[in-house]
């Protein structure tokens, strides 16, 4: 199974920024579509890459 933790962390950050309570990881994995999971993972990866670039 693909690691969705980075995508979940991105999802949690967005929820917190908007004052929303995020769902737990298990429900996140079981309730989102593959398309949604992929979108969160791509966004998390691009943010992670840009942070690495800025730090370097």
C-alpha atoms as a PDB file:
ATOM      1  CA  UNK A   1       0.000   0.000   0.000  1.00  0.00           C
ATOM      2  CA  UNK A   2       1.202   3.480  -0.799  1.00  0.00           C
ATOM      3  CA  UNK A   3       2.198   5.621   2.176  1.00  0.00           C
ATOM      4  CA  UNK A   4      -0.495   8.272   2.581  1.00  0.00           C
ATOM      5  CA  UNK A   5       0.931   9.855   5.729  1.00  0.00           C
ATOM      6  CA  UNK A   6       2.331  12.928   3.943  1.00  0.00           C
ATOM      7  CA  UNK A   7      -1.004  13.483   2.236  1.00  0.00           C
ATOM      8  CA  UNK A   8      -2.798  13.035   5.552  1.00  0.00           C
ATOM      9  CA  UNK A   9      -0.521  15.561   7.240  1.00  0.00           C
ATOM     10  CA  UNK A  10      -1.233  18.048   4.441  1.00  0.00           C
ATOM     11  CA  UNK A  11      -4.967  17.392   4.837  1.00  0.00           C
ATOM     12  CA  UNK A  12      -4.707  17.978   8.616  1.00  0.00           C
ATOM     13  CA  UNK A  13      -2.840  21.261   8.107  1.00  0.00           C
ATOM     14  CA  UNK A  14      -5.472  22.523   5.681  1.00  0.00           C
ATOM     15  CA  UNK A  15      -8.268  21.550   8.080  1.00  0.00           C
ATOM     16  CA  UNK A  16      -6.573  23.338  10.963  1.00  0.00           C
ATOM     17  CA  UNK A  17      -5.974  26.468   8.860  1.00  0.00           C
ATOM     18  CA  UNK A  18      -9.713  26.607   8.178  1.00  0.00           C
ATOM     19  CA  UNK A  19     -10.829  25.770  11.721  1.00  0.00           C
ATOM     20  CA  UNK A  20     -12.089  22.293  10.797  1.00  0.00           C
ATOM     21  CA  UNK A  21     -11.644  19.087  12.760  1.00  0.00           C
ATOM     22  CA  UNK A  22      -9.805  16.531  10.586  1.00  0.00           C
ATOM     23  CA  UNK A  23     -11.008  12.936  10.441  1.00  0.00           C
ATOM     24  CA  UNK A  24      -8.697  10.230  11.791  1.00  0.00           C
ATOM     25  CA  UNK A  25      -6.184   8.483   9.536  1.00  0.00           C
ATOM     26  CA  UNK A  26      -8.150   5.230   9.229  1.00  0.00           C
ATOM     27  CA  UNK A  27     -11.305   7.036   8.153  1.00  0.00           C
ATOM     28  CA  UNK A  28      -9.237   9.252   5.831  1.00  0.00           C
ATOM     29  CA  UNK A  29      -7.906   6.180   4.011  1.00  0.00           C
ATOM     30  CA  UNK A  30     -11.212   4.333   3.889  1.00  0.00           C
ATOM     31  CA  UNK A  31     -13.488   7.223   2.913  1.00  0.00           C
ATOM     32  CA  UNK A  32     -11.565   9.197   0.299  1.00  0.00           C
ATOM     33  CA  UNK A  33     -11.481   8.147  -3.336  1.00  0.00           C
ATOM     34  CA  UNK A  34      -8.214   7.128  -4.972  1.00  0.00           C
ATOM     35  CA  UNK A  35      -8.322  10.399  -6.919  1.00  0.00           C
ATOM     36  CA  UNK A  36      -8.621  12.415  -3.686  1.00  0.00           C
ATOM     37  CA  UNK A  37      -5.820  10.472  -1.990  1.00  0.00           C
ATOM     38  CA  UNK A  38      -3.560  10.984  -5.007  1.00  0.00           C
ATOM     39  CA  UNK A  39      -4.335  14.724  -5.060  1.00  0.00           C
ATOM     40  CA  UNK A  40      -3.445  15.139  -1.366  1.00  0.00           C
ATOM     41  CA  UNK A  41      -0.247  13.136  -1.852  1.00  0.00           C
ATOM     42  CA  UNK A  42       0.807  15.188  -4.885  1.00  0.00           C
ATOM     43  CA  UNK A  43       0.141  18.443  -3.018  1.00  0.00           C
ATOM     44  CA  UNK A  44       2.037  17.219   0.053  1.00  0.00           C
ATOM     45  CA  UNK A  45       4.969  16.145  -2.111  1.00  0.00           C
ATOM     46  CA  UNK A  46       5.124  19.469  -3.959  1.00  0.00           C
ATOM     47  CA  UNK A  47       5.027  21.391  -0.677  1.00  0.00           C
ATOM     48  CA  UNK A  48       7.692  19.119   0.790  1.00  0.00           C
ATOM     49  CA  UNK A  49       9.893  19.589  -2.279  1.00  0.00           C
ATOM     50  CA  UNK A  50       9.525  23.385  -2.154  1.00  0.00           C
ATOM     51  CA  UNK A  51      10.394  23.440   1.560  1.00  0.00           C
ATOM     52  CA  UNK A  52      13.518  21.330   0.925  1.00  0.00           C
ATOM     53  CA  UNK A  53      14.501  23.679  -1.898  1.00  0.00           C
ATOM     54  CA  UNK A  54      14.089  26.771   0.321  1.00  0.00           C
ATOM     55  CA  UNK A  55      16.119  25.234   3.145  1.00  0.00           C
ATOM     56  CA  UNK A  56      18.993  24.114   0.913  1.00  0.00           C
END
